[in-house]
Structures are given as C-alpha cells and as structure tokens.
Amino acid sequence: MRKNVKPLLVDSEDSGQRLDKFVAIHSEKLSFIAIQKLLRTGKIRINEKKSVGSHRIEVGDEITIPTDMQNSKNSKFFTFKELNTDFRNFINNSILYKDNDFIAVNKPAGFAVQGGSRVVNHIDGVLDYFRFDAPYRPQLLHRLDKSTSGILLLSRRPKATRRLTEAFRNREIKKNYWALLYGHLPKTKGSVNAPLGKISTKNYEKTTFDLNGKESKTSYNVLWKGVHKSVKVSLVEFQPETGRKHQIRAHCNYLGCSIIGDKKYFVNFNNKNIEGLGENMFLHARELAVPDKDGLTIRIKSPIPNHMINAFKLFKLPTNILG
C-alpha cells in the first residue's frame, strides 16, 4: 500500500456501484475525465490492484486515490469551475424539492443536461454544486431535451439511484408535461400508440414513426384550444407512458401538430411565426409523481416559465388554467 494514502472502505451503501462512479462521489475535485486517466495509469487502485472504471465494487473492497491528485491545482483535474451568471442563478434558485434521497430542480429552457462535442456548459458538469451536506456527488436520474423546461431529478445516494432508476424503468414515476401546439388534436382526450424509431444523419438524430420501432405510448388531455390571428393553437397536457427519446415531440408530429418553437419536429403550418413568442420551445415538464422508499407518492410541480406565461397572455387563455 502506498505511503500517506488511506484507502476508502466500501460498505453496503456503495456495494454494486461502478468503481469510477464511487471515486467521483468521494473525490470532490477530480473530474470524471481525470478519474478515467488515473484508472488507466494505475494510480487509482482497488485492493492494491489496477482496475477499470466499469468494475463493480463489493463490501470490504479498499479503494486508494492519490491525495496529491485530489489536491491538485491543475485545471484538468479540477471539477469546480467558474460559473457564468446563468448557471449561478440556476444553482441558487432552482430547487423544487430536496430530501435525503433525491433533489428535484427546475431546469430552464436552453440548458443542456449533458455535454457533447459542441456543449461546454451543462447541468451534469455542475452536479457537485448540488451536493450540500451529502457525502455523495448527485447523479442524473433521467434527461430533458435542451429546449424543454421543467423538473429534473437528481439522486443523492447510491441506494436511491438504484431504487429510482428501477422506478423509472418500471414506469412507476408518472410524468406530466404541458405543451403549446400549432393546431387542434383530433379528440379532447386520447392517446397515441405509435412505435418510434431513430433516424441518424451526420448532422442530427431524430425520432419518427416506425412500424418496426419500439413501443411508444403517450396519453393527452386538451386543456384549452383557440385561434390566434387565424392560427389554431392548443394547450395540451401529456403523460408519456414509455420513455423514448423526443417521444412527445415525435407523437405531436405524428398527429399532424407540432410544439410551438420546435424546429426539429415542425409541421408545415402557413402562419408558423407568431409575433411576440420569441425563440423558445413551448414544452414544459410540469409535474412528477415519485414513490418514496415507503411506497408513498411525492408530487412535485414546476412553476410555468415566463415564456409560456407570456404566450398564455398573448393567446388570452383563461386565468384559471394555472390552477
């Protein structure tokens, strides 16, 4: 064992985790990229042996992390980076709910959840700022599109991550979205049961109706419909029963409507540009119903964002819509 390096002992709470995620949770300053490099070079070890990040740890395993790397001032090893004003405001003002197991945050439209080749600032990169009093780095439990606003869940401990990931997989977490659409849906209440597949090109990835695609079902309830300067518009509540990528957006497209501001799934309306709406997409993750560890349901609601409130005023929606 290396001198001056005290190993971390794996207990039942952490058992079953990937080694790289365990190290990330217990090393505030190390970026995930740095952790992978330290694992490849054997500087992070499990039971004094070299290992890979995907290795699942067990109770009693001893993990050694070089303290000189943890305290390094080299920026490539540093997780906490200077934040721009938008992200500082997001971190300080976004929490909708917090307990020992998870945090619900209110994601603004235009914020990416995860990074990519052209994405520098994203929520996954600032999760350490949501650690608060917990010993673990929060983990993303699901994703929202960059253009979608509303509730995003972060787990606070490994057991909660496993439990809630399973709850999402088993459709025990109920999701409710609000969207402003061009057009009127065929019924006041209904469901779309249209399988979806992916189309990938060099420039984009899109989800579309595909008879050989994956089962995809979305229920809907029209909250209001009207006409604005000869353009039909609707406010619709959606409950996705499956979790396909861009599912609500693709199903709206399948029905011959599109979400206002959705440039990727736009249906060709004659008067597609309504003055005064701005550039945002009008899809909002309004509410989540989350089972706690005792089986009771926690209901979390996200406030309607300003760009949607402004549209409600423009379209003269009834004031009781917000409830």
Protein backbone atom coordinates (compact mmCIF):
# COMPACT_ATOMS: atom_id res chain seq x y z
CA MET A 1 0.00 0.00 0.00
CA ARG A 2 1.29 3.45 -0.86
CA LYS A 3 2.51 5.71 1.89
CA ASN A 4 0.26 8.53 3.09
CA VAL A 5 -2.73 7.14 1.17
CA LYS A 6 -5.58 5.98 3.37
CA PRO A 7 -7.86 3.59 1.48
CA LEU A 8 -11.61 4.07 1.29
CA LEU A 9 -13.53 1.04 2.54
CA VAL A 10 -16.62 0.01 0.56
CA ASP A 11 -19.72 -0.51 2.72
CA SER A 12 -23.19 -1.88 1.91
CA GLU A 13 -24.40 1.56 0.76
CA ASP A 14 -21.83 1.66 -2.05
CA SER A 15 -21.73 -2.04 -2.94
CA GLY A 16 -22.64 -2.73 -6.57
CA GLN A 17 -21.54 0.66 -7.90
CA ARG A 18 -19.10 1.15 -10.75
CA LEU A 19 -15.61 1.90 -9.48
CA ASP A 20 -15.33 5.18 -11.42
CA LYS A 21 -18.63 6.48 -10.01
CA PHE A 22 -17.55 5.57 -6.47
CA VAL A 23 -14.31 7.54 -6.95
CA ALA A 24 -16.23 10.52 -8.40
CA ILE A 25 -18.57 10.57 -5.42
CA HIS A 26 -15.69 10.51 -2.92
CA SER A 27 -13.38 12.95 -4.73
CA GLU A 28 -14.85 16.43 -4.85
CA LYS A 29 -12.13 17.92 -7.03
CA LEU A 30 -11.49 15.19 -9.57
CA SER A 31 -13.27 15.48 -12.90
CA PHE A 32 -14.66 12.29 -14.42
CA ILE A 33 -12.17 12.51 -17.32
CA ALA A 34 -9.30 12.75 -14.83
CA ILE A 35 -10.60 9.71 -12.95
CA GLN A 36 -10.56 7.62 -16.12
CA LYS A 37 -6.96 8.67 -16.81
CA LEU A 38 -5.87 7.85 -13.25
CA LEU A 39 -7.52 4.43 -13.52
CA ARG A 40 -5.83 3.70 -16.85
CA THR A 41 -2.42 4.59 -15.42
CA GLY A 42 -2.97 2.54 -12.25
CA LYS A 43 -2.84 5.50 -9.87
CA ILE A 44 -6.30 4.66 -8.56
CA ARG A 45 -6.38 1.07 -7.31
CA ILE A 46 -8.80 -1.44 -5.82
CA ASN A 47 -7.36 -3.82 -3.22
CA GLU A 48 -3.91 -2.62 -4.33
CA LYS A 49 -4.54 -3.76 -7.91
CA LYS A 50 -5.10 -1.89 -11.15
CA SER A 51 -8.70 -1.95 -12.36
CA VAL A 52 -11.12 -0.41 -14.85
CA GLY A 53 -13.86 2.13 -14.22
CA SER A 54 -16.69 -0.28 -15.08
CA HIS A 55 -15.68 -2.75 -12.34
CA ARG A 56 -18.48 -3.28 -9.78
CA ILE A 57 -17.22 -2.84 -6.23
CA GLU A 58 -18.20 -5.03 -3.28
CA VAL A 59 -18.42 -4.70 0.50
CA GLY A 60 -14.93 -4.76 2.01
CA ASP A 61 -13.07 -3.57 -1.10
CA GLU A 62 -10.37 -0.98 -0.42
CA ILE A 63 -10.01 1.88 -2.91
CA THR A 64 -6.91 4.06 -2.93
CA ILE A 65 -6.96 7.51 -4.52
CA PRO A 66 -3.72 9.57 -4.61
CA THR A 67 -4.12 12.53 -2.26
CA ASP A 68 -1.74 14.65 -4.34
CA MET A 69 -4.11 14.30 -7.30
CA GLN A 70 -7.13 15.15 -5.16
CA ASN A 71 -5.46 18.38 -4.08
CA SER A 72 -4.00 19.25 -7.48
CA LYS A 73 -4.43 22.82 -8.72
CA ASN A 74 -4.02 21.66 -12.31
CA SER A 75 -7.26 22.66 -14.08
CA LYS A 76 -7.59 19.38 -15.97
CA PHE A 77 -8.13 17.61 -12.63
CA PHE A 78 -10.46 20.23 -11.22
CA THR A 79 -14.23 19.66 -11.08
CA PHE A 80 -15.36 23.00 -9.69
CA LYS A 81 -15.04 25.61 -12.42
CA GLU A 82 -16.03 29.24 -12.61
CA LEU A 83 -19.70 29.53 -13.43
CA ASN A 84 -21.40 32.02 -15.70
CA THR A 85 -24.24 34.12 -14.33
CA ASP A 86 -26.99 31.91 -15.75
CA PHE A 87 -25.64 28.78 -14.07
CA ARG A 88 -25.05 30.57 -10.76
CA ASN A 89 -28.69 31.70 -10.79
CA PHE A 90 -29.81 28.18 -11.72
CA ILE A 91 -27.93 26.61 -8.80
CA ASN A 92 -29.10 29.20 -6.29
CA ASN A 93 -32.76 29.33 -7.29
CA SER A 94 -33.77 26.06 -8.92
CA ILE A 95 -34.52 23.61 -6.11
CA LEU A 96 -38.16 22.48 -6.03
CA TYR A 97 -37.77 19.61 -3.55
CA LYS A 98 -34.97 18.02 -1.51
CA ASP A 99 -34.78 15.08 0.90
CA ASN A 100 -32.10 12.52 1.81
CA ASP A 101 -32.66 10.52 -1.38
CA PHE A 102 -33.12 12.99 -4.22
CA ILE A 103 -33.36 16.59 -5.34
CA ALA A 104 -35.81 17.99 -7.89
CA VAL A 105 -34.56 21.05 -9.78
CA ASN A 106 -36.34 23.39 -12.17
CA LYS A 107 -34.40 23.31 -15.45
CA PRO A 108 -34.75 26.39 -17.66
CA ALA A 109 -35.26 26.05 -21.40
CA GLY A 110 -31.92 26.32 -23.19
CA PHE A 111 -29.87 24.47 -20.54
CA ALA A 112 -28.27 21.23 -21.73
CA VAL A 113 -28.46 18.33 -19.28
CA GLN A 114 -25.32 16.59 -20.54
CA GLY A 115 -22.27 17.62 -22.52
CA GLY A 116 -21.38 16.92 -26.13
CA SER A 117 -18.97 17.91 -28.86
CA ARG A 118 -20.44 21.44 -29.03
CA VAL A 119 -21.73 21.74 -25.45
CA VAL A 120 -19.41 23.35 -22.90
CA ASN A 121 -21.85 24.29 -20.14
CA HIS A 122 -24.28 21.63 -18.94
CA ILE A 123 -26.01 20.50 -15.74
CA ASP A 124 -24.05 17.24 -15.49
CA GLY A 125 -20.90 19.35 -15.21
CA VAL A 126 -22.12 21.28 -12.15
CA LEU A 127 -23.68 18.46 -10.09
CA ASP A 128 -21.09 18.89 -7.33
CA TYR A 129 -22.70 22.23 -6.50
CA PHE A 130 -25.86 20.30 -5.54
CA ARG A 131 -24.05 18.06 -3.05
CA PHE A 132 -24.86 20.24 0.01
CA ASP A 133 -24.47 18.11 3.16
CA ALA A 134 -24.42 14.74 1.36
CA PRO A 135 -21.18 12.72 1.08
CA TYR A 136 -22.02 11.72 -2.48
CA ARG A 137 -21.99 13.55 -5.78
CA PRO A 138 -25.58 13.73 -7.13
CA GLN A 139 -26.43 11.58 -10.14
CA LEU A 140 -28.78 12.33 -13.03
CA LEU A 141 -31.81 10.01 -12.97
CA HIS A 142 -33.21 10.97 -16.38
CA ARG A 143 -32.81 13.62 -19.07
CA LEU A 144 -34.72 16.51 -20.56
CA ASP A 145 -34.06 17.96 -24.00
CA LYS A 146 -32.08 21.19 -24.00
CA SER A 147 -35.13 23.13 -25.25
CA THR A 148 -37.50 21.62 -22.66
CA SER A 149 -38.02 23.33 -19.30
CA GLY A 150 -39.19 21.82 -16.02
CA ILE A 151 -38.48 19.16 -13.41
CA LEU A 152 -35.21 17.23 -13.43
CA LEU A 153 -34.43 14.63 -10.73
CA LEU A 154 -31.01 14.10 -9.14
CA SER A 155 -30.31 11.23 -6.75
CA ARG A 156 -28.26 11.90 -3.60
CA ARG A 157 -27.05 8.41 -2.63
CA PRO A 158 -26.30 5.15 -4.45
CA LYS A 159 -29.23 3.19 -2.99
CA ALA A 160 -31.62 5.93 -4.09
CA THR A 161 -30.06 5.89 -7.57
CA ARG A 162 -30.74 2.18 -7.91
CA ARG A 163 -34.27 2.41 -6.50
CA LEU A 164 -35.36 5.38 -8.59
CA THR A 165 -33.70 4.11 -11.78
CA GLU A 166 -35.72 0.94 -11.36
CA ALA A 167 -38.86 3.01 -10.71
CA PHE A 168 -38.33 4.89 -14.00
CA ARG A 169 -37.75 1.59 -15.80
CA ASN A 170 -40.94 0.09 -14.36
CA ARG A 171 -42.97 3.24 -15.18
CA GLU A 172 -43.73 3.86 -11.51
CA ILE A 173 -42.72 7.52 -11.80
CA LYS A 174 -45.54 9.39 -13.50
CA LYS A 175 -44.66 12.36 -15.73
CA ASN A 176 -46.87 15.25 -16.75
CA TYR A 177 -45.88 17.74 -19.45
CA TRP A 178 -47.57 20.88 -20.76
CA ALA A 179 -47.12 21.98 -24.36
CA LEU A 180 -48.44 24.73 -26.61
CA LEU A 181 -49.19 23.35 -30.06
CA TYR A 182 -49.93 24.61 -33.50
CA GLY A 183 -53.25 23.06 -34.49
CA HIS A 184 -56.01 21.14 -32.71
CA LEU A 185 -55.77 17.48 -31.74
CA PRO A 186 -58.44 15.06 -33.01
CA LYS A 187 -60.01 14.48 -29.57
CA THR A 188 -60.24 16.32 -26.25
CA LYS A 189 -58.77 13.27 -24.52
CA GLY A 190 -56.94 10.40 -26.12
CA SER A 191 -53.70 8.52 -26.52
CA VAL A 192 -51.09 7.99 -29.20
CA ASN A 193 -49.81 4.45 -29.57
CA ALA A 194 -47.29 4.77 -32.38
CA PRO A 195 -43.96 2.90 -32.36
CA LEU A 196 -40.91 5.11 -32.78
CA GLY A 197 -37.53 4.54 -34.35
CA LYS A 198 -34.45 6.72 -34.77
CA ILE A 199 -33.12 8.36 -37.90
CA SER A 200 -29.45 9.35 -37.66
CA THR A 201 -27.51 11.50 -40.07
CA LYS A 202 -24.20 13.30 -39.88
CA ASN A 203 -25.90 16.46 -38.61
CA TYR A 204 -28.74 15.27 -36.37
CA GLU A 205 -30.66 12.42 -34.77
CA LYS A 206 -34.43 12.33 -34.97
CA THR A 207 -37.21 10.06 -33.71
CA THR A 208 -40.07 9.20 -36.04
CA PHE A 209 -42.99 6.81 -36.57
CA ASP A 210 -41.67 3.37 -37.49
CA LEU A 211 -43.78 0.19 -37.65
CA ASN A 212 -40.69 -1.76 -36.66
CA GLY A 213 -39.72 0.73 -33.93
CA LYS A 214 -40.07 0.47 -30.15
CA GLU A 215 -43.43 0.59 -28.39
CA SER A 216 -44.26 4.22 -27.62
CA LYS A 217 -47.43 5.45 -25.92
CA THR A 218 -48.47 8.93 -24.83
CA SER A 219 -51.80 9.96 -23.28
CA TYR A 220 -53.07 13.52 -23.69
CA ASN A 221 -55.71 15.91 -22.39
CA VAL A 222 -56.51 19.17 -24.15
CA LEU A 223 -56.63 21.94 -21.53
CA TRP A 224 -57.56 24.73 -23.96
CA LYS A 225 -57.83 25.36 -27.68
CA GLY A 226 -58.40 28.53 -29.65
CA VAL A 227 -57.43 30.63 -32.65
CA HIS A 228 -54.89 33.45 -32.68
CA LYS A 229 -54.91 35.64 -35.79
CA SER A 230 -56.29 32.76 -37.89
CA VAL A 231 -53.75 30.26 -36.46
CA LYS A 232 -55.17 27.33 -34.48
CA VAL A 233 -53.35 26.82 -31.18
CA SER A 234 -53.81 24.46 -28.22
CA LEU A 235 -52.54 23.94 -24.68
CA VAL A 236 -52.23 20.21 -24.09
CA GLU A 237 -51.26 18.06 -21.12
CA PHE A 238 -49.23 14.94 -21.98
CA GLN A 239 -48.45 11.82 -19.92
CA PRO A 240 -45.79 9.70 -21.62
CA GLU A 241 -46.24 6.05 -20.64
CA THR A 242 -42.98 4.99 -22.25
CA GLY A 243 -39.70 6.89 -22.30
CA ARG A 244 -38.44 7.16 -25.87
CA LYS A 245 -36.17 9.97 -26.98
CA HIS A 246 -38.19 13.04 -28.09
CA GLN A 247 -41.35 10.97 -27.59
CA ILE A 248 -43.86 13.80 -27.06
CA ARG A 249 -42.35 15.87 -29.86
CA ALA A 250 -42.44 12.93 -32.28
CA HIS A 251 -46.00 11.96 -31.33
CA CYS A 252 -47.21 15.53 -31.84
CA ASN A 253 -45.63 15.44 -35.28
CA TYR A 254 -47.32 12.08 -35.96
CA LEU A 255 -50.72 13.64 -35.08
CA GLY A 256 -50.17 16.47 -37.55
CA CYS A 257 -49.47 19.12 -34.92
CA SER A 258 -46.17 20.40 -33.61
CA ILE A 259 -44.98 22.06 -30.43
CA ILE A 260 -44.57 25.79 -30.94
CA GLY A 261 -40.87 26.60 -31.22
CA ASP A 262 -39.85 23.01 -32.05
CA LYS A 263 -37.67 23.46 -35.14
CA LYS A 264 -36.74 19.78 -35.46
CA TYR A 265 -40.26 18.33 -35.47
CA PHE A 266 -42.09 21.18 -37.16
CA VAL A 267 -45.24 20.52 -39.19
CA ASN A 268 -45.62 22.98 -42.06
CA PHE A 269 -48.25 25.50 -40.93
CA ASN A 270 -48.93 28.53 -43.14
CA ASN A 271 -48.59 31.02 -40.28
CA LYS A 272 -45.83 29.35 -38.33
CA ASN A 273 -44.28 32.54 -36.94
CA ILE A 274 -46.46 34.20 -34.32
CA GLU A 275 -45.12 37.61 -33.42
CA GLY A 276 -44.26 38.07 -29.75
CA LEU A 277 -43.44 34.44 -28.86
CA GLY A 278 -39.65 34.54 -29.05
CA GLU A 279 -37.42 31.58 -29.88
CA ASN A 280 -38.12 29.11 -27.04
CA MET A 281 -39.78 25.74 -27.46
CA PHE A 282 -43.05 25.51 -25.52
CA LEU A 283 -42.69 22.13 -23.83
CA HIS A 284 -42.56 22.06 -20.02
CA ALA A 285 -42.08 19.13 -17.60
CA ARG A 286 -44.86 20.29 -15.30
CA GLU A 287 -45.20 17.57 -12.65
CA LEU A 288 -43.66 14.31 -11.42
CA ALA A 289 -45.20 11.77 -9.06
CA VAL A 290 -42.33 9.91 -7.36
CA PRO A 291 -42.75 6.92 -4.99
CA ASP A 292 -40.66 7.24 -1.84
CA LYS A 293 -38.95 4.26 -0.17
CA ASP A 294 -42.12 3.52 1.84
CA GLY A 295 -44.31 3.49 -1.26
CA LEU A 296 -45.96 6.85 -0.65
CA THR A 297 -46.20 9.27 -3.59
CA ILE A 298 -44.34 12.57 -3.59
CA ARG A 299 -45.88 15.03 -6.06
CA ILE A 300 -43.58 17.78 -7.33
CA LYS A 301 -44.80 20.61 -9.52
CA SER A 302 -42.70 23.06 -11.51
CA PRO A 303 -43.88 26.66 -11.99
CA ILE A 304 -44.80 27.69 -15.52
CA PRO A 305 -41.82 29.54 -17.10
CA ASN A 306 -42.13 33.15 -18.16
CA HIS A 307 -42.05 32.46 -21.88
CA MET A 308 -45.13 30.25 -21.54
CA ILE A 309 -46.94 32.73 -19.26
CA ASN A 310 -46.34 35.44 -21.87
CA ALA A 311 -47.82 33.16 -24.54
CA PHE A 312 -50.88 32.48 -22.35
CA LYS A 313 -51.46 36.23 -22.16
CA LEU A 314 -50.93 36.66 -25.90
CA PHE A 315 -53.45 33.91 -26.67
CA LYS A 316 -55.84 35.19 -23.95
CA LEU A 317 -56.07 31.89 -22.08
CA PRO A 318 -58.42 31.85 -19.06
CA THR A 319 -56.65 32.80 -15.82
CA ASN A 320 -57.84 29.63 -14.07
CA ILE A 321 -55.70 27.44 -16.36
CA LEU A 322 -52.76 27.66 -13.96
CA GLY A 323 -54.92 26.20 -11.16
